[in-house]
Amino acid sequence: MKDKERQFTKQWPSHMKYAFLEGDHNKYVILSNSLTTSEEEQLVKILEANQKAIGWTFSNLKGINPSYYMHKVLMEENYKPIAQPQRCLNPKIKEVVRKEVIKLLEVGIIYPISNSK
């Protein structure tokens, strides 16, 4: 396994894995580990045949209005941000929220902030 592939496998949960298209380690897709070898090969072949249709980066999304894939927080002109106090969670849903946060951390959608409790 190449270093770049090893780096990718460390970042995803065990039920997911990477597949690289045509040996190009810059173009990869994330697949389920539950696929059979045959299903995985068929899927990768289809993706390789249609890789021009996939937006690998934002610059590949030509002709698509950025407002569809970018988020903007609208604020008043003279707005001064203030720190909000931490709010308590309902004990009944606290464990559900904790599990969801752990899932998001594991897949890299969110990341911890060094000075956050």
N, C-alpha and C. Protein backbone atom coordinates (compact mmCIF):
# COMPACT_ATOMS: atom_id res chain seq x y z
N MET A 1 0.84 -1.18 0.00
CA MET A 1 0.00 0.00 0.00
C MET A 1 0.89 1.24 0.00
N LYS A 2 0.59 2.17 -0.87
CA LYS A 2 1.39 3.39 -0.95
C LYS A 2 1.07 4.32 0.20
N ASP A 3 1.99 5.25 0.48
CA ASP A 3 1.81 6.17 1.61
C ASP A 3 0.52 6.95 1.52
N LYS A 4 0.19 7.43 0.30
CA LYS A 4 -1.02 8.23 0.14
C LYS A 4 -2.26 7.39 0.44
N GLU A 5 -2.26 6.13 -0.02
CA GLU A 5 -3.39 5.24 0.26
C GLU A 5 -3.49 4.96 1.76
N ARG A 6 -2.35 4.73 2.41
CA ARG A 6 -2.34 4.45 3.85
C ARG A 6 -2.90 5.65 4.61
N GLN A 7 -2.56 6.85 4.16
CA GLN A 7 -3.05 8.07 4.80
C GLN A 7 -4.58 8.11 4.71
N PHE A 8 -5.14 7.76 3.57
CA PHE A 8 -6.59 7.81 3.40
C PHE A 8 -7.29 6.78 4.28
N THR A 9 -6.76 5.58 4.38
CA THR A 9 -7.44 4.54 5.14
C THR A 9 -7.51 4.86 6.62
N LYS A 10 -6.62 5.69 7.13
CA LYS A 10 -6.65 6.05 8.54
C LYS A 10 -7.78 7.02 8.86
N GLN A 11 -8.30 7.73 7.88
CA GLN A 11 -9.24 8.80 8.13
C GLN A 11 -10.70 8.37 8.10
N TRP A 12 -11.03 7.18 7.63
CA TRP A 12 -12.42 6.78 7.47
C TRP A 12 -12.77 5.63 8.39
N PRO A 13 -14.03 5.51 8.74
CA PRO A 13 -14.46 4.39 9.59
C PRO A 13 -14.23 3.06 8.88
N SER A 14 -14.22 1.99 9.66
CA SER A 14 -13.89 0.68 9.11
C SER A 14 -14.90 0.17 8.09
N HIS A 15 -16.13 0.70 8.08
CA HIS A 15 -17.12 0.22 7.11
C HIS A 15 -17.01 0.93 5.75
N MET A 16 -16.02 1.81 5.61
CA MET A 16 -15.82 2.52 4.35
C MET A 16 -14.38 2.33 3.89
N LYS A 17 -14.15 2.49 2.58
CA LYS A 17 -12.79 2.41 2.06
C LYS A 17 -12.67 3.25 0.80
N TYR A 18 -11.43 3.50 0.41
CA TYR A 18 -11.14 4.27 -0.79
C TYR A 18 -10.92 3.35 -1.97
N ALA A 19 -11.27 3.87 -3.16
CA ALA A 19 -10.91 3.21 -4.41
C ALA A 19 -10.35 4.30 -5.31
N PHE A 20 -9.25 4.01 -5.96
CA PHE A 20 -8.60 5.00 -6.82
C PHE A 20 -8.90 4.66 -8.27
N LEU A 21 -9.21 5.69 -9.05
CA LEU A 21 -9.58 5.48 -10.44
C LEU A 21 -8.35 5.42 -11.33
N GLU A 22 -8.27 4.37 -12.15
CA GLU A 22 -7.21 4.17 -13.14
C GLU A 22 -5.82 4.42 -12.57
N GLY A 23 -5.59 4.05 -11.34
CA GLY A 23 -4.27 4.21 -10.74
C GLY A 23 -3.90 5.66 -10.44
N ASP A 24 -4.81 6.61 -10.67
CA ASP A 24 -4.56 8.02 -10.40
C ASP A 24 -4.88 8.28 -8.93
N HIS A 25 -3.87 8.51 -8.11
CA HIS A 25 -4.10 8.67 -6.68
C HIS A 25 -4.62 10.06 -6.32
N ASN A 26 -4.91 10.88 -7.31
CA ASN A 26 -5.55 12.16 -7.05
C ASN A 26 -7.06 12.07 -7.21
N LYS A 27 -7.52 11.03 -7.90
CA LYS A 27 -8.95 10.84 -8.11
C LYS A 27 -9.38 9.56 -7.41
N TYR A 28 -10.10 9.75 -6.32
CA TYR A 28 -10.52 8.59 -5.54
C TYR A 28 -12.00 8.73 -5.20
N VAL A 29 -12.61 7.62 -4.88
CA VAL A 29 -13.99 7.59 -4.44
C VAL A 29 -14.04 6.81 -3.13
N ILE A 30 -15.07 7.04 -2.35
CA ILE A 30 -15.24 6.36 -1.08
C ILE A 30 -16.36 5.34 -1.25
N LEU A 31 -16.04 4.08 -0.96
CA LEU A 31 -16.98 2.99 -1.15
C LEU A 31 -17.29 2.30 0.17
N SER A 32 -18.38 1.58 0.16
CA SER A 32 -18.75 0.77 1.31
C SER A 32 -17.97 -0.53 1.30
N ASN A 33 -17.54 -0.99 2.46
CA ASN A 33 -16.87 -2.28 2.58
C ASN A 33 -17.82 -3.45 2.36
N SER A 34 -19.13 -3.18 2.36
CA SER A 34 -20.10 -4.26 2.20
C SER A 34 -20.27 -4.69 0.74
N LEU A 35 -19.64 -3.97 -0.20
CA LEU A 35 -19.72 -4.36 -1.61
C LEU A 35 -18.87 -5.61 -1.85
N THR A 36 -19.37 -6.48 -2.71
CA THR A 36 -18.55 -7.63 -3.10
C THR A 36 -17.46 -7.15 -4.04
N THR A 37 -16.46 -7.97 -4.28
CA THR A 37 -15.37 -7.60 -5.19
C THR A 37 -15.92 -7.31 -6.58
N SER A 38 -16.86 -8.12 -7.02
CA SER A 38 -17.48 -7.94 -8.33
C SER A 38 -18.25 -6.62 -8.41
N GLU A 39 -19.03 -6.32 -7.37
CA GLU A 39 -19.79 -5.06 -7.34
C GLU A 39 -18.85 -3.86 -7.34
N GLU A 40 -17.79 -3.95 -6.55
CA GLU A 40 -16.82 -2.86 -6.47
C GLU A 40 -16.15 -2.63 -7.83
N GLU A 41 -15.74 -3.70 -8.50
CA GLU A 41 -15.11 -3.58 -9.82
C GLU A 41 -16.06 -2.95 -10.82
N GLN A 42 -17.33 -3.37 -10.82
CA GLN A 42 -18.31 -2.80 -11.74
C GLN A 42 -18.52 -1.31 -11.47
N LEU A 43 -18.63 -0.95 -10.20
CA LEU A 43 -18.84 0.45 -9.83
C LEU A 43 -17.64 1.30 -10.25
N VAL A 44 -16.43 0.83 -9.98
CA VAL A 44 -15.23 1.59 -10.34
C VAL A 44 -15.14 1.74 -11.86
N LYS A 45 -15.49 0.71 -12.62
CA LYS A 45 -15.48 0.82 -14.09
C LYS A 45 -16.45 1.89 -14.57
N ILE A 46 -17.64 1.92 -14.00
CA ILE A 46 -18.64 2.93 -14.38
C ILE A 46 -18.14 4.32 -14.03
N LEU A 47 -17.56 4.48 -12.84
CA LEU A 47 -17.04 5.78 -12.42
C LEU A 47 -15.87 6.23 -13.29
N GLU A 48 -14.98 5.30 -13.66
CA GLU A 48 -13.86 5.63 -14.53
C GLU A 48 -14.36 6.08 -15.91
N ALA A 49 -15.38 5.40 -16.43
CA ALA A 49 -15.92 5.76 -17.74
C ALA A 49 -16.60 7.12 -17.72
N ASN A 50 -17.07 7.55 -16.56
CA ASN A 50 -17.82 8.80 -16.46
C ASN A 50 -17.14 9.83 -15.56
N GLN A 51 -15.82 9.73 -15.38
CA GLN A 51 -15.17 10.61 -14.43
C GLN A 51 -15.17 12.08 -14.85
N LYS A 52 -15.41 12.36 -16.12
CA LYS A 52 -15.50 13.77 -16.53
C LYS A 52 -16.78 14.42 -16.00
N ALA A 53 -17.75 13.61 -15.62
CA ALA A 53 -19.01 14.13 -15.09
C ALA A 53 -18.93 14.41 -13.59
N ILE A 54 -17.84 14.00 -12.96
CA ILE A 54 -17.69 14.17 -11.51
C ILE A 54 -16.93 15.46 -11.23
N GLY A 55 -17.44 16.27 -10.31
CA GLY A 55 -16.75 17.50 -9.92
C GLY A 55 -15.72 17.19 -8.85
N TRP A 56 -14.47 17.02 -9.24
CA TRP A 56 -13.41 16.66 -8.28
C TRP A 56 -13.02 17.84 -7.41
N THR A 57 -13.14 19.04 -7.95
CA THR A 57 -12.86 20.26 -7.18
C THR A 57 -13.92 21.29 -7.54
N PHE A 58 -13.99 22.38 -6.78
CA PHE A 58 -14.96 23.43 -7.10
C PHE A 58 -14.72 24.01 -8.49
N SER A 59 -13.46 24.06 -8.92
CA SER A 59 -13.16 24.62 -10.25
C SER A 59 -13.71 23.73 -11.37
N ASN A 60 -14.00 22.45 -11.07
CA ASN A 60 -14.60 21.56 -12.06
C ASN A 60 -16.10 21.79 -12.23
N LEU A 61 -16.68 22.59 -11.36
CA LEU A 61 -18.13 22.79 -11.39
C LEU A 61 -18.49 24.01 -12.23
N LYS A 62 -17.94 24.07 -13.42
CA LYS A 62 -18.19 25.21 -14.31
C LYS A 62 -19.65 25.23 -14.72
N GLY A 63 -20.21 26.43 -14.77
CA GLY A 63 -21.60 26.59 -15.17
C GLY A 63 -22.58 26.39 -14.03
N ILE A 64 -22.09 26.05 -12.84
CA ILE A 64 -22.96 25.89 -11.69
C ILE A 64 -22.77 27.08 -10.77
N ASN A 65 -23.85 27.73 -10.44
CA ASN A 65 -23.81 28.90 -9.58
C ASN A 65 -23.24 28.50 -8.22
N PRO A 66 -22.17 29.18 -7.75
CA PRO A 66 -21.56 28.83 -6.45
C PRO A 66 -22.54 28.88 -5.28
N SER A 67 -23.63 29.61 -5.41
CA SER A 67 -24.59 29.67 -4.29
C SER A 67 -25.23 28.31 -4.02
N TYR A 68 -25.14 27.37 -4.96
CA TYR A 68 -25.68 26.03 -4.75
C TYR A 68 -24.78 25.19 -3.86
N TYR A 69 -23.48 25.43 -3.86
CA TYR A 69 -22.58 24.57 -3.09
C TYR A 69 -21.74 25.32 -2.07
N MET A 70 -21.98 26.59 -1.87
CA MET A 70 -21.24 27.35 -0.86
C MET A 70 -22.21 27.95 0.16
N HIS A 71 -21.74 28.11 1.37
CA HIS A 71 -22.55 28.65 2.45
C HIS A 71 -22.07 30.05 2.80
N LYS A 72 -23.01 30.94 3.02
CA LYS A 72 -22.66 32.31 3.40
C LYS A 72 -23.55 32.71 4.57
N VAL A 73 -22.95 33.25 5.60
CA VAL A 73 -23.71 33.73 6.75
C VAL A 73 -23.98 35.21 6.53
N LEU A 74 -25.25 35.56 6.42
CA LEU A 74 -25.63 36.96 6.21
C LEU A 74 -25.70 37.65 7.57
N MET A 75 -24.98 38.79 7.67
CA MET A 75 -24.95 39.52 8.92
C MET A 75 -25.20 40.99 8.64
N GLU A 76 -25.71 41.69 9.64
CA GLU A 76 -25.93 43.11 9.49
C GLU A 76 -24.58 43.83 9.43
N GLU A 77 -24.57 44.99 8.81
CA GLU A 77 -23.33 45.71 8.55
C GLU A 77 -22.55 46.06 9.82
N ASN A 78 -23.21 46.53 10.86
CA ASN A 78 -22.54 46.96 12.08
C ASN A 78 -22.59 45.91 13.17
N TYR A 79 -22.71 44.67 12.81
CA TYR A 79 -22.85 43.58 13.77
C TYR A 79 -21.52 43.30 14.47
N LYS A 80 -21.57 43.14 15.78
CA LYS A 80 -20.38 42.79 16.55
C LYS A 80 -20.63 41.41 17.18
N PRO A 81 -19.85 40.40 16.81
CA PRO A 81 -20.09 39.06 17.36
C PRO A 81 -19.82 39.01 18.86
N ILE A 82 -20.64 38.24 19.56
CA ILE A 82 -20.45 38.05 20.99
C ILE A 82 -20.43 36.56 21.30
N ALA A 83 -19.71 36.20 22.35
CA ALA A 83 -19.64 34.79 22.75
C ALA A 83 -20.94 34.42 23.46
N GLN A 84 -21.53 33.34 23.04
CA GLN A 84 -22.76 32.85 23.65
C GLN A 84 -22.41 31.83 24.73
N PRO A 85 -23.17 31.80 25.81
CA PRO A 85 -22.90 30.79 26.84
C PRO A 85 -23.26 29.40 26.33
N GLN A 86 -22.59 28.41 26.87
CA GLN A 86 -22.88 27.03 26.50
C GLN A 86 -24.26 26.67 27.04
N ARG A 87 -25.03 25.97 26.22
CA ARG A 87 -26.36 25.57 26.63
C ARG A 87 -26.36 24.09 27.02
N CYS A 88 -27.17 23.75 27.98
CA CYS A 88 -27.28 22.36 28.43
C CYS A 88 -28.19 21.58 27.49
N LEU A 89 -27.83 20.33 27.28
CA LEU A 89 -28.67 19.44 26.47
C LEU A 89 -29.63 18.68 27.37
N ASN A 90 -30.75 18.33 26.79
CA ASN A 90 -31.69 17.47 27.47
C ASN A 90 -30.98 16.14 27.72
N PRO A 91 -30.95 15.66 28.95
CA PRO A 91 -30.24 14.40 29.25
C PRO A 91 -30.70 13.22 28.40
N LYS A 92 -31.94 13.24 27.95
CA LYS A 92 -32.47 12.14 27.15
C LYS A 92 -31.81 12.06 25.77
N ILE A 93 -31.38 13.19 25.23
CA ILE A 93 -30.77 13.17 23.89
C ILE A 93 -29.26 13.39 23.91
N LYS A 94 -28.71 13.60 25.09
CA LYS A 94 -27.28 13.89 25.21
C LYS A 94 -26.42 12.77 24.61
N GLU A 95 -26.75 11.51 24.91
CA GLU A 95 -25.97 10.38 24.40
C GLU A 95 -26.11 10.26 22.88
N VAL A 96 -27.28 10.54 22.34
CA VAL A 96 -27.49 10.50 20.89
C VAL A 96 -26.62 11.55 20.21
N VAL A 97 -26.60 12.75 20.77
CA VAL A 97 -25.79 13.83 20.22
C VAL A 97 -24.30 13.48 20.30
N ARG A 98 -23.87 12.91 21.43
CA ARG A 98 -22.47 12.53 21.60
C ARG A 98 -22.04 11.52 20.53
N LYS A 99 -22.87 10.51 20.29
CA LYS A 99 -22.56 9.50 19.27
C LYS A 99 -22.48 10.13 17.88
N GLU A 100 -23.38 11.06 17.59
CA GLU A 100 -23.37 11.73 16.28
C GLU A 100 -22.11 12.57 16.10
N VAL A 101 -21.70 13.27 17.15
CA VAL A 101 -20.48 14.08 17.09
C VAL A 101 -19.27 13.18 16.86
N ILE A 102 -19.21 12.05 17.54
CA ILE A 102 -18.09 11.12 17.35
C ILE A 102 -18.06 10.61 15.91
N LYS A 103 -19.23 10.31 15.35
CA LYS A 103 -19.29 9.87 13.94
C LYS A 103 -18.75 10.94 13.01
N LEU A 104 -19.16 12.20 13.22
CA LEU A 104 -18.71 13.30 12.38
C LEU A 104 -17.20 13.53 12.52
N LEU A 105 -16.67 13.37 13.73
CA LEU A 105 -15.23 13.49 13.95
C LEU A 105 -14.47 12.40 13.20
N GLU A 106 -14.98 11.17 13.26
CA GLU A 106 -14.30 10.04 12.63
C GLU A 106 -14.21 10.18 11.12
N VAL A 107 -15.23 10.73 10.48
CA VAL A 107 -15.20 10.85 9.01
C VAL A 107 -14.58 12.16 8.55
N GLY A 108 -14.22 13.02 9.50
CA GLY A 108 -13.50 14.24 9.13
C GLY A 108 -14.38 15.40 8.71
N ILE A 109 -15.69 15.31 8.94
CA ILE A 109 -16.58 16.41 8.59
C ILE A 109 -16.38 17.56 9.56
N ILE A 110 -16.14 17.23 10.83
CA ILE A 110 -15.84 18.25 11.82
C ILE A 110 -14.49 17.91 12.45
N TYR A 111 -13.89 18.84 13.14
CA TYR A 111 -12.62 18.59 13.80
C TYR A 111 -12.58 19.34 15.12
N PRO A 112 -11.81 18.82 16.08
CA PRO A 112 -11.76 19.48 17.38
C PRO A 112 -10.95 20.78 17.30
N ILE A 113 -11.32 21.72 18.13
CA ILE A 113 -10.60 22.98 18.23
C ILE A 113 -9.79 22.91 19.51
N SER A 114 -8.53 23.29 19.43
CA SER A 114 -7.60 23.08 20.55
C SER A 114 -8.03 23.74 21.85
N ASN A 115 -8.69 24.88 21.79
CA ASN A 115 -9.06 25.57 23.04
C ASN A 115 -10.51 25.31 23.42
N SER A 116 -11.14 24.33 22.81
CA SER A 116 -12.54 24.03 23.10
C SER A 116 -12.64 22.95 24.18
N LYS A 117 -13.60 23.11 25.09
CA LYS A 117 -13.82 22.10 26.12
C LYS A 117 -14.67 20.99 25.56
